[in-house]
Amino acid sequence: MIVRPEREGDIDAIRTLTETAFRTAPHADGTEHLVIDRLRAAGALTLSLVAEEGGMVVGHVAFSPVRISDGSRDWYGLGPLSVDPPRQGKGIGGRLAREGLDRLKAAGAGGCVVLGDPAYYSRFGFAQDPRLTLDGVPPEYFMRVAFSPVYGEGTVSYHPGFYG
């Protein structure tokens, strides 16, 4: 398996993969594939990585900029993260998340936030932090990983592409 940036020819495969991966997820609203399309169309898909096996896209992760109400810059949101259902639980999602976080850090990002399962995302360094909040969600499911010991605090806003 290789992890690489998305290519133009991957767009349909990413859309299908994301729609399939989230189809039965209890927290999904069925628009995750559209979020990626809207982020891409808005030029807000900062980092889009695919996992490829045997020439097929079997995983995808998106990173896009977020805003923090105190004006902190260079923070990103992880998501959606999708893996082909028969291949879930085999480390593909973890490899995509780690590679993406490493690339963000190397590019000088301040940190990354994620809305998701703490049991899963904590393995990548994400932790709940009361200084960063996302309106309307239980705080235990909104986490951050900081790439610097100095970072802001406040309410986080995702790109409008997340909201249609």
N, C-alpha and C. Protein backbone atom coordinates (compact mmCIF):
# COMPACT_ATOMS: atom_id res chain seq x y z
N MET A 1 0.84 -1.18 0.00
CA MET A 1 0.00 0.00 0.00
C MET A 1 0.88 1.24 0.00
N ILE A 2 0.48 2.21 -0.80
CA ILE A 2 1.18 3.49 -0.80
C ILE A 2 0.19 4.58 -0.39
N VAL A 3 0.72 5.61 0.24
CA VAL A 3 -0.05 6.80 0.58
C VAL A 3 0.53 7.93 -0.25
N ARG A 4 -0.36 8.65 -0.94
CA ARG A 4 0.10 9.71 -1.83
C ARG A 4 -0.98 10.79 -1.92
N PRO A 5 -0.60 11.98 -2.40
CA PRO A 5 -1.62 13.01 -2.63
C PRO A 5 -2.61 12.57 -3.71
N GLU A 6 -3.85 13.04 -3.57
CA GLU A 6 -4.84 12.71 -4.59
C GLU A 6 -4.41 13.27 -5.94
N ARG A 7 -4.88 12.61 -6.99
CA ARG A 7 -4.70 13.07 -8.37
C ARG A 7 -6.07 13.32 -8.98
N GLU A 8 -6.09 14.03 -10.07
CA GLU A 8 -7.35 14.33 -10.76
C GLU A 8 -8.16 13.06 -11.02
N GLY A 9 -7.49 12.01 -11.43
CA GLY A 9 -8.17 10.77 -11.74
C GLY A 9 -8.72 10.02 -10.54
N ASP A 10 -8.43 10.48 -9.32
CA ASP A 10 -8.90 9.83 -8.11
C ASP A 10 -10.25 10.35 -7.62
N ILE A 11 -10.71 11.47 -8.16
CA ILE A 11 -11.85 12.18 -7.59
C ILE A 11 -13.10 11.29 -7.53
N ASP A 12 -13.44 10.60 -8.59
CA ASP A 12 -14.63 9.74 -8.56
C ASP A 12 -14.46 8.60 -7.57
N ALA A 13 -13.27 8.02 -7.51
CA ALA A 13 -13.01 6.92 -6.58
C ALA A 13 -13.12 7.41 -5.13
N ILE A 14 -12.62 8.61 -4.85
CA ILE A 14 -12.72 9.18 -3.51
C ILE A 14 -14.18 9.40 -3.13
N ARG A 15 -14.94 9.94 -4.06
CA ARG A 15 -16.37 10.20 -3.81
C ARG A 15 -17.10 8.89 -3.49
N THR A 16 -16.90 7.86 -4.31
CA THR A 16 -17.56 6.57 -4.11
C THR A 16 -17.10 5.92 -2.80
N LEU A 17 -15.82 5.93 -2.56
CA LEU A 17 -15.26 5.36 -1.33
C LEU A 17 -15.85 6.04 -0.10
N THR A 18 -15.89 7.36 -0.10
CA THR A 18 -16.38 8.10 1.06
C THR A 18 -17.86 7.84 1.29
N GLU A 19 -18.62 7.84 0.22
CA GLU A 19 -20.06 7.57 0.34
C GLU A 19 -20.29 6.16 0.89
N THR A 20 -19.54 5.19 0.41
CA THR A 20 -19.68 3.80 0.87
C THR A 20 -19.24 3.64 2.31
N ALA A 21 -18.11 4.23 2.66
CA ALA A 21 -17.57 4.08 4.01
C ALA A 21 -18.48 4.68 5.07
N PHE A 22 -19.17 5.77 4.74
CA PHE A 22 -20.01 6.44 5.72
C PHE A 22 -21.47 6.00 5.66
N ARG A 23 -21.81 5.17 4.71
CA ARG A 23 -23.21 4.78 4.50
C ARG A 23 -23.86 4.22 5.77
N THR A 24 -23.16 3.40 6.51
CA THR A 24 -23.74 2.78 7.70
C THR A 24 -23.16 3.30 9.00
N ALA A 25 -22.34 4.32 8.94
CA ALA A 25 -21.76 4.88 10.17
C ALA A 25 -22.84 5.59 10.98
N PRO A 26 -22.93 5.32 12.26
CA PRO A 26 -24.01 5.89 13.07
C PRO A 26 -23.96 7.41 13.20
N HIS A 27 -22.79 7.99 13.08
CA HIS A 27 -22.63 9.44 13.23
C HIS A 27 -22.71 10.19 11.90
N ALA A 28 -22.83 9.48 10.80
CA ALA A 28 -22.79 10.09 9.47
C ALA A 28 -24.13 10.71 9.10
N ASP A 29 -24.07 11.74 8.26
CA ASP A 29 -25.31 12.34 7.76
C ASP A 29 -25.50 12.10 6.27
N GLY A 30 -24.58 11.33 5.66
CA GLY A 30 -24.73 11.00 4.25
C GLY A 30 -24.20 12.04 3.28
N THR A 31 -23.60 13.10 3.80
CA THR A 31 -23.08 14.16 2.92
C THR A 31 -21.56 14.25 2.93
N GLU A 32 -20.89 13.30 3.56
CA GLU A 32 -19.44 13.39 3.70
C GLU A 32 -18.72 13.49 2.36
N HIS A 33 -19.19 12.75 1.37
CA HIS A 33 -18.58 12.83 0.04
C HIS A 33 -18.80 14.21 -0.58
N LEU A 34 -19.93 14.82 -0.29
CA LEU A 34 -20.21 16.17 -0.80
C LEU A 34 -19.34 17.22 -0.12
N VAL A 35 -19.03 17.00 1.15
CA VAL A 35 -18.13 17.91 1.87
C VAL A 35 -16.80 17.99 1.14
N ILE A 36 -16.26 16.84 0.77
CA ILE A 36 -14.97 16.81 0.07
C ILE A 36 -15.08 17.53 -1.27
N ASP A 37 -16.14 17.28 -2.00
CA ASP A 37 -16.35 17.97 -3.28
C ASP A 37 -16.41 19.48 -3.09
N ARG A 38 -17.15 19.94 -2.07
CA ARG A 38 -17.27 21.38 -1.83
C ARG A 38 -15.95 22.00 -1.39
N LEU A 39 -15.20 21.29 -0.55
CA LEU A 39 -13.89 21.80 -0.14
C LEU A 39 -12.96 21.92 -1.35
N ARG A 40 -12.96 20.90 -2.19
CA ARG A 40 -12.12 20.91 -3.39
C ARG A 40 -12.51 22.07 -4.30
N ALA A 41 -13.80 22.25 -4.53
CA ALA A 41 -14.29 23.31 -5.42
C ALA A 41 -13.95 24.70 -4.88
N ALA A 42 -13.91 24.84 -3.56
CA ALA A 42 -13.60 26.13 -2.93
C ALA A 42 -12.11 26.37 -2.78
N GLY A 43 -11.29 25.42 -3.18
CA GLY A 43 -9.85 25.55 -3.01
C GLY A 43 -9.43 25.42 -1.56
N ALA A 44 -10.26 24.76 -0.75
CA ALA A 44 -10.01 24.65 0.68
C ALA A 44 -9.61 23.23 1.10
N LEU A 45 -9.32 22.39 0.15
CA LEU A 45 -8.85 21.05 0.47
C LEU A 45 -7.33 21.14 0.55
N THR A 46 -6.85 21.51 1.73
CA THR A 46 -5.43 21.78 1.93
C THR A 46 -4.57 20.56 1.65
N LEU A 47 -5.02 19.43 2.12
CA LEU A 47 -4.28 18.20 1.96
C LEU A 47 -5.29 17.08 1.75
N SER A 48 -5.12 16.33 0.69
CA SER A 48 -6.01 15.22 0.36
C SER A 48 -5.13 14.04 -0.02
N LEU A 49 -5.10 13.04 0.85
CA LEU A 49 -4.24 11.88 0.64
C LEU A 49 -5.09 10.64 0.39
N VAL A 50 -4.59 9.79 -0.47
CA VAL A 50 -5.23 8.50 -0.70
C VAL A 50 -4.28 7.37 -0.34
N ALA A 51 -4.88 6.26 0.06
CA ALA A 51 -4.15 5.01 0.22
C ALA A 51 -4.50 4.18 -1.00
N GLU A 52 -3.48 3.69 -1.66
CA GLU A 52 -3.67 2.92 -2.89
C GLU A 52 -3.09 1.53 -2.72
N GLU A 53 -3.87 0.54 -3.10
CA GLU A 53 -3.43 -0.86 -3.10
C GLU A 53 -3.77 -1.46 -4.45
N GLY A 54 -2.80 -2.00 -5.10
CA GLY A 54 -3.05 -2.64 -6.39
C GLY A 54 -3.71 -1.73 -7.40
N GLY A 55 -3.37 -0.44 -7.36
CA GLY A 55 -3.93 0.51 -8.30
C GLY A 55 -5.31 1.02 -7.94
N MET A 56 -5.84 0.59 -6.79
CA MET A 56 -7.18 1.03 -6.36
C MET A 56 -7.09 1.91 -5.11
N VAL A 57 -7.93 2.94 -5.08
CA VAL A 57 -8.01 3.81 -3.90
C VAL A 57 -8.83 3.07 -2.85
N VAL A 58 -8.19 2.79 -1.69
CA VAL A 58 -8.85 2.04 -0.62
C VAL A 58 -9.02 2.89 0.64
N GLY A 59 -8.48 4.10 0.63
CA GLY A 59 -8.62 4.99 1.77
C GLY A 59 -8.39 6.42 1.35
N HIS A 60 -8.94 7.35 2.13
CA HIS A 60 -8.79 8.77 1.83
C HIS A 60 -8.90 9.56 3.12
N VAL A 61 -8.13 10.63 3.20
CA VAL A 61 -8.26 11.59 4.30
C VAL A 61 -8.15 13.00 3.74
N ALA A 62 -8.97 13.87 4.30
CA ALA A 62 -8.99 15.28 3.90
C ALA A 62 -8.59 16.14 5.09
N PHE A 63 -7.87 17.21 4.82
CA PHE A 63 -7.53 18.24 5.80
C PHE A 63 -7.88 19.58 5.20
N SER A 64 -8.54 20.42 5.97
CA SER A 64 -8.93 21.75 5.50
C SER A 64 -8.73 22.76 6.61
N PRO A 65 -8.58 24.04 6.25
CA PRO A 65 -8.33 25.05 7.28
C PRO A 65 -9.54 25.26 8.19
N VAL A 66 -9.25 25.55 9.45
CA VAL A 66 -10.29 25.94 10.41
C VAL A 66 -9.91 27.32 10.96
N ARG A 67 -10.91 27.98 11.52
CA ARG A 67 -10.69 29.27 12.17
C ARG A 67 -10.88 29.10 13.67
N ILE A 68 -10.05 29.79 14.42
CA ILE A 68 -10.20 29.83 15.87
C ILE A 68 -10.55 31.27 16.22
N SER A 69 -11.52 31.44 17.09
CA SER A 69 -12.08 32.77 17.35
C SER A 69 -11.05 33.78 17.88
N ASP A 70 -9.94 33.31 18.43
CA ASP A 70 -8.93 34.27 18.90
C ASP A 70 -7.98 34.72 17.79
N GLY A 71 -8.18 34.20 16.59
CA GLY A 71 -7.35 34.60 15.45
C GLY A 71 -6.13 33.74 15.22
N SER A 72 -5.95 32.69 15.99
CA SER A 72 -4.81 31.78 15.77
C SER A 72 -4.84 31.30 14.33
N ARG A 73 -3.65 31.20 13.75
CA ARG A 73 -3.55 30.86 12.33
C ARG A 73 -2.93 29.48 12.15
N ASP A 74 -3.11 28.97 10.94
CA ASP A 74 -2.46 27.73 10.51
C ASP A 74 -2.92 26.50 11.29
N TRP A 75 -4.22 26.46 11.57
CA TRP A 75 -4.83 25.27 12.16
C TRP A 75 -5.73 24.62 11.12
N TYR A 76 -5.84 23.30 11.22
CA TYR A 76 -6.56 22.53 10.23
C TYR A 76 -7.51 21.53 10.90
N GLY A 77 -8.48 21.09 10.14
CA GLY A 77 -9.38 20.04 10.58
C GLY A 77 -9.14 18.78 9.80
N LEU A 78 -9.11 17.66 10.47
CA LEU A 78 -8.99 16.35 9.84
C LEU A 78 -10.39 15.84 9.58
N GLY A 79 -10.64 15.44 8.37
CA GLY A 79 -11.91 14.81 8.07
C GLY A 79 -12.51 15.32 6.78
N PRO A 80 -13.27 14.47 6.18
CA PRO A 80 -13.55 13.08 6.51
C PRO A 80 -12.35 12.15 6.27
N LEU A 81 -12.35 11.07 7.02
CA LEU A 81 -11.39 9.98 6.86
C LEU A 81 -12.20 8.74 6.50
N SER A 82 -11.89 8.13 5.37
CA SER A 82 -12.66 6.98 4.87
C SER A 82 -11.75 5.83 4.49
N VAL A 83 -12.21 4.64 4.79
CA VAL A 83 -11.52 3.42 4.37
C VAL A 83 -12.56 2.47 3.81
N ASP A 84 -12.21 1.80 2.74
CA ASP A 84 -13.09 0.80 2.13
C ASP A 84 -13.55 -0.18 3.22
N PRO A 85 -14.85 -0.35 3.41
CA PRO A 85 -15.34 -1.17 4.53
C PRO A 85 -14.67 -2.54 4.70
N PRO A 86 -14.45 -3.33 3.64
CA PRO A 86 -13.80 -4.63 3.88
C PRO A 86 -12.34 -4.50 4.37
N ARG A 87 -11.76 -3.32 4.21
CA ARG A 87 -10.36 -3.13 4.61
C ARG A 87 -10.23 -2.37 5.93
N GLN A 88 -11.35 -2.01 6.54
CA GLN A 88 -11.30 -1.28 7.81
C GLN A 88 -10.70 -2.18 8.89
N GLY A 89 -10.03 -1.54 9.85
CA GLY A 89 -9.41 -2.29 10.94
C GLY A 89 -8.06 -2.88 10.61
N LYS A 90 -7.50 -2.48 9.48
CA LYS A 90 -6.21 -3.04 9.05
C LYS A 90 -5.10 -2.00 9.02
N GLY A 91 -5.34 -0.82 9.63
CA GLY A 91 -4.30 0.19 9.75
C GLY A 91 -4.25 1.22 8.64
N ILE A 92 -5.14 1.14 7.68
CA ILE A 92 -5.13 2.08 6.55
C ILE A 92 -5.48 3.48 7.03
N GLY A 93 -6.55 3.61 7.80
CA GLY A 93 -6.94 4.92 8.31
C GLY A 93 -5.87 5.53 9.18
N GLY A 94 -5.25 4.71 10.02
CA GLY A 94 -4.17 5.20 10.87
C GLY A 94 -2.98 5.70 10.09
N ARG A 95 -2.65 4.97 9.06
CA ARG A 95 -1.52 5.40 8.23
C ARG A 95 -1.83 6.72 7.53
N LEU A 96 -3.06 6.87 7.04
CA LEU A 96 -3.46 8.12 6.39
C LEU A 96 -3.43 9.29 7.39
N ALA A 97 -3.97 9.06 8.57
CA ALA A 97 -4.00 10.13 9.59
C ALA A 97 -2.58 10.54 9.97
N ARG A 98 -1.72 9.58 10.26
CA ARG A 98 -0.34 9.90 10.66
C ARG A 98 0.41 10.64 9.56
N GLU A 99 0.28 10.14 8.33
CA GLU A 99 0.97 10.78 7.20
C GLU A 99 0.48 12.21 7.03
N GLY A 100 -0.82 12.42 7.10
CA GLY A 100 -1.37 13.77 6.96
C GLY A 100 -0.89 14.70 8.07
N LEU A 101 -0.93 14.23 9.30
CA LEU A 101 -0.46 15.05 10.42
C LEU A 101 1.02 15.38 10.29
N ASP A 102 1.81 14.41 9.88
CA ASP A 102 3.25 14.66 9.66
C ASP A 102 3.47 15.72 8.58
N ARG A 103 2.70 15.65 7.52
CA ARG A 103 2.84 16.63 6.44
C ARG A 103 2.42 18.03 6.89
N LEU A 104 1.33 18.11 7.66
CA LEU A 104 0.90 19.42 8.17
C LEU A 104 1.97 20.01 9.08
N LYS A 105 2.48 19.21 9.98
CA LYS A 105 3.51 19.68 10.91
C LYS A 105 4.74 20.16 10.14
N ALA A 106 5.18 19.39 9.16
CA ALA A 106 6.35 19.76 8.37
C ALA A 106 6.12 21.06 7.59
N ALA A 107 4.87 21.34 7.26
CA ALA A 107 4.54 22.57 6.51
C ALA A 107 4.37 23.78 7.43
N GLY A 108 4.52 23.58 8.75
CA GLY A 108 4.45 24.69 9.68
C GLY A 108 3.10 24.94 10.31
N ALA A 109 2.18 23.98 10.21
CA ALA A 109 0.87 24.14 10.82
C ALA A 109 1.00 24.27 12.33
N GLY A 110 0.04 25.01 12.93
CA GLY A 110 0.02 25.15 14.38
C GLY A 110 -0.57 23.94 15.06
N GLY A 111 -1.52 23.29 14.37
CA GLY A 111 -2.15 22.12 14.94
C GLY A 111 -3.32 21.68 14.11
N CYS A 112 -4.04 20.69 14.64
CA CYS A 112 -5.15 20.09 13.91
C CYS A 112 -6.24 19.72 14.91
N VAL A 113 -7.48 19.85 14.48
CA VAL A 113 -8.62 19.44 15.29
C VAL A 113 -9.37 18.32 14.57
N VAL A 114 -10.15 17.58 15.34
CA VAL A 114 -10.97 16.52 14.76
C VAL A 114 -12.22 16.34 15.61
N LEU A 115 -13.30 16.05 14.95
CA LEU A 115 -14.54 15.68 15.61
C LEU A 115 -14.71 14.19 15.37
N GLY A 116 -14.58 13.39 16.44
CA GLY A 116 -14.64 11.96 16.24
C GLY A 116 -14.52 11.18 17.52
N ASP A 117 -14.33 9.90 17.39
CA ASP A 117 -14.26 8.96 18.49
C ASP A 117 -12.93 9.11 19.24
N PRO A 118 -12.97 9.50 20.52
CA PRO A 118 -11.73 9.66 21.27
C PRO A 118 -10.89 8.38 21.34
N ALA A 119 -11.53 7.23 21.41
CA ALA A 119 -10.79 5.97 21.48
C ALA A 119 -9.95 5.76 20.23
N TYR A 120 -10.42 6.23 19.09
CA TYR A 120 -9.68 6.08 17.84
C TYR A 120 -8.64 7.18 17.68
N TYR A 121 -9.05 8.43 17.78
CA TYR A 121 -8.16 9.54 17.44
C TYR A 121 -7.10 9.84 18.50
N SER A 122 -7.29 9.37 19.71
CA SER A 122 -6.27 9.61 20.74
C SER A 122 -4.96 8.91 20.39
N ARG A 123 -5.01 7.86 19.62
CA ARG A 123 -3.78 7.14 19.26
C ARG A 123 -2.86 7.98 18.36
N PHE A 124 -3.39 9.07 17.80
CA PHE A 124 -2.58 9.96 16.95
C PHE A 124 -2.18 11.24 17.69
N GLY A 125 -2.44 11.27 18.99
CA GLY A 125 -2.07 12.42 19.79
C GLY A 125 -3.20 13.40 20.04
N PHE A 126 -4.39 13.14 19.51
CA PHE A 126 -5.52 14.04 19.74
C PHE A 126 -6.01 13.88 21.18
N ALA A 127 -6.37 15.01 21.78
CA ALA A 127 -6.92 15.02 23.13
C ALA A 127 -7.93 16.14 23.25
N GLN A 128 -8.90 15.94 24.10
CA GLN A 128 -9.88 16.98 24.37
C GLN A 128 -9.18 18.10 25.13
N ASP A 129 -9.51 19.33 24.78
CA ASP A 129 -8.91 20.51 25.40
C ASP A 129 -10.01 21.55 25.59
N PRO A 130 -10.34 21.89 26.82
CA PRO A 130 -11.44 22.84 27.04
C PRO A 130 -11.18 24.24 26.47
N ARG A 131 -9.93 24.51 26.08
CA ARG A 131 -9.62 25.83 25.50
C ARG A 131 -10.04 25.94 24.04
N LEU A 132 -10.31 24.81 23.40
CA LEU A 132 -10.79 24.80 22.01
C LEU A 132 -12.14 24.09 21.99
N THR A 133 -13.15 24.76 21.48
CA THR A 133 -14.50 24.20 21.47
C THR A 133 -15.11 24.28 20.08
N LEU A 134 -16.10 23.44 19.87
CA LEU A 134 -16.89 23.46 18.65
C LEU A 134 -18.34 23.50 19.08
N ASP A 135 -19.02 24.56 18.72
CA ASP A 135 -20.41 24.74 19.14
C ASP A 135 -21.28 23.55 18.73
N GLY A 136 -22.13 23.14 19.66
CA GLY A 136 -23.13 22.14 19.34
C GLY A 136 -22.70 20.70 19.43
N VAL A 137 -21.46 20.44 19.87
CA VAL A 137 -21.02 19.04 19.98
C VAL A 137 -20.54 18.77 21.40
N PRO A 138 -20.72 17.54 21.87
CA PRO A 138 -20.20 17.18 23.19
C PRO A 138 -18.68 17.36 23.21
N PRO A 139 -18.14 18.03 24.20
CA PRO A 139 -16.71 18.35 24.20
C PRO A 139 -15.79 17.14 24.15
N GLU A 140 -16.23 16.00 24.65
CA GLU A 140 -15.34 14.83 24.65
C GLU A 140 -15.08 14.31 23.24
N TYR A 141 -15.89 14.71 22.27
CA TYR A 141 -15.69 14.24 20.89
C TYR A 141 -14.95 15.24 20.01
N PHE A 142 -14.63 16.40 20.57
CA PHE A 142 -13.88 17.40 19.81
C PHE A 142 -12.49 17.50 20.42
N MET A 143 -11.48 17.19 19.62
CA MET A 143 -10.11 17.06 20.12
C MET A 143 -9.12 17.83 19.26
N ARG A 144 -7.96 18.04 19.82
CA ARG A 144 -6.90 18.75 19.11
C ARG A 144 -5.57 18.04 19.32
N VAL A 145 -4.69 18.27 18.35
CA VAL A 145 -3.28 17.94 18.52
C VAL A 145 -2.54 19.21 18.13
N ALA A 146 -1.68 19.69 19.03
CA ALA A 146 -0.93 20.92 18.79
C ALA A 146 0.48 20.56 18.35
N PHE A 147 1.00 21.30 17.40
CA PHE A 147 2.36 21.07 16.91
C PHE A 147 3.34 22.02 17.56
N SER A 148 2.85 22.87 18.45
CA SER A 148 3.66 23.85 19.16
C SER A 148 3.10 23.96 20.57
N PRO A 149 3.93 24.26 21.56
CA PRO A 149 3.40 24.40 22.92
C PRO A 149 2.59 25.68 23.11
N VAL A 150 2.68 26.60 22.17
CA VAL A 150 1.94 27.86 22.26
C VAL A 150 0.86 27.85 21.18
N TYR A 151 -0.40 27.91 21.62
CA TYR A 151 -1.49 27.97 20.65
C TYR A 151 -2.68 28.67 21.28
N GLY A 152 -3.58 29.03 20.44
CA GLY A 152 -4.72 29.84 20.87
C GLY A 152 -5.81 29.06 21.55
N GLU A 153 -6.87 29.79 21.82
CA GLU A 153 -8.03 29.18 22.42
C GLU A 153 -9.27 29.91 21.94
N GLY A 154 -10.38 29.20 21.93
CA GLY A 154 -11.64 29.80 21.52
C GLY A 154 -12.50 28.80 20.79
N THR A 155 -13.47 29.34 20.09
CA THR A 155 -14.40 28.52 19.33
C THR A 155 -13.82 28.26 17.94
N VAL A 156 -13.88 27.02 17.52
CA VAL A 156 -13.37 26.61 16.22
C VAL A 156 -14.53 26.59 15.23
N SER A 157 -14.25 27.07 14.01
CA SER A 157 -15.22 27.03 12.92
C SER A 157 -14.60 26.30 11.73
N TYR A 158 -15.33 25.33 11.22
CA TYR A 158 -14.88 24.63 10.02
C TYR A 158 -15.24 25.46 8.79
N HIS A 159 -14.62 25.15 7.68
CA HIS A 159 -14.90 25.80 6.41
C HIS A 159 -16.37 25.64 6.06
N PRO A 160 -16.99 26.64 5.41
CA PRO A 160 -18.39 26.52 5.02
C PRO A 160 -18.72 25.29 4.18
N GLY A 161 -17.73 24.71 3.52
CA GLY A 161 -17.96 23.51 2.73
C GLY A 161 -18.51 22.35 3.54
N PHE A 162 -18.33 22.39 4.86
CA PHE A 162 -18.86 21.34 5.72
C PHE A 162 -20.37 21.45 5.89
N TYR A 163 -20.90 22.61 5.58
CA TYR A 163 -22.30 22.87 5.91
C TYR A 163 -23.18 23.02 4.67
N GLY A 164 -22.67 22.77 3.51
CA GLY A 164 -23.48 22.86 2.29
C GLY A 164 -23.56 24.24 1.84
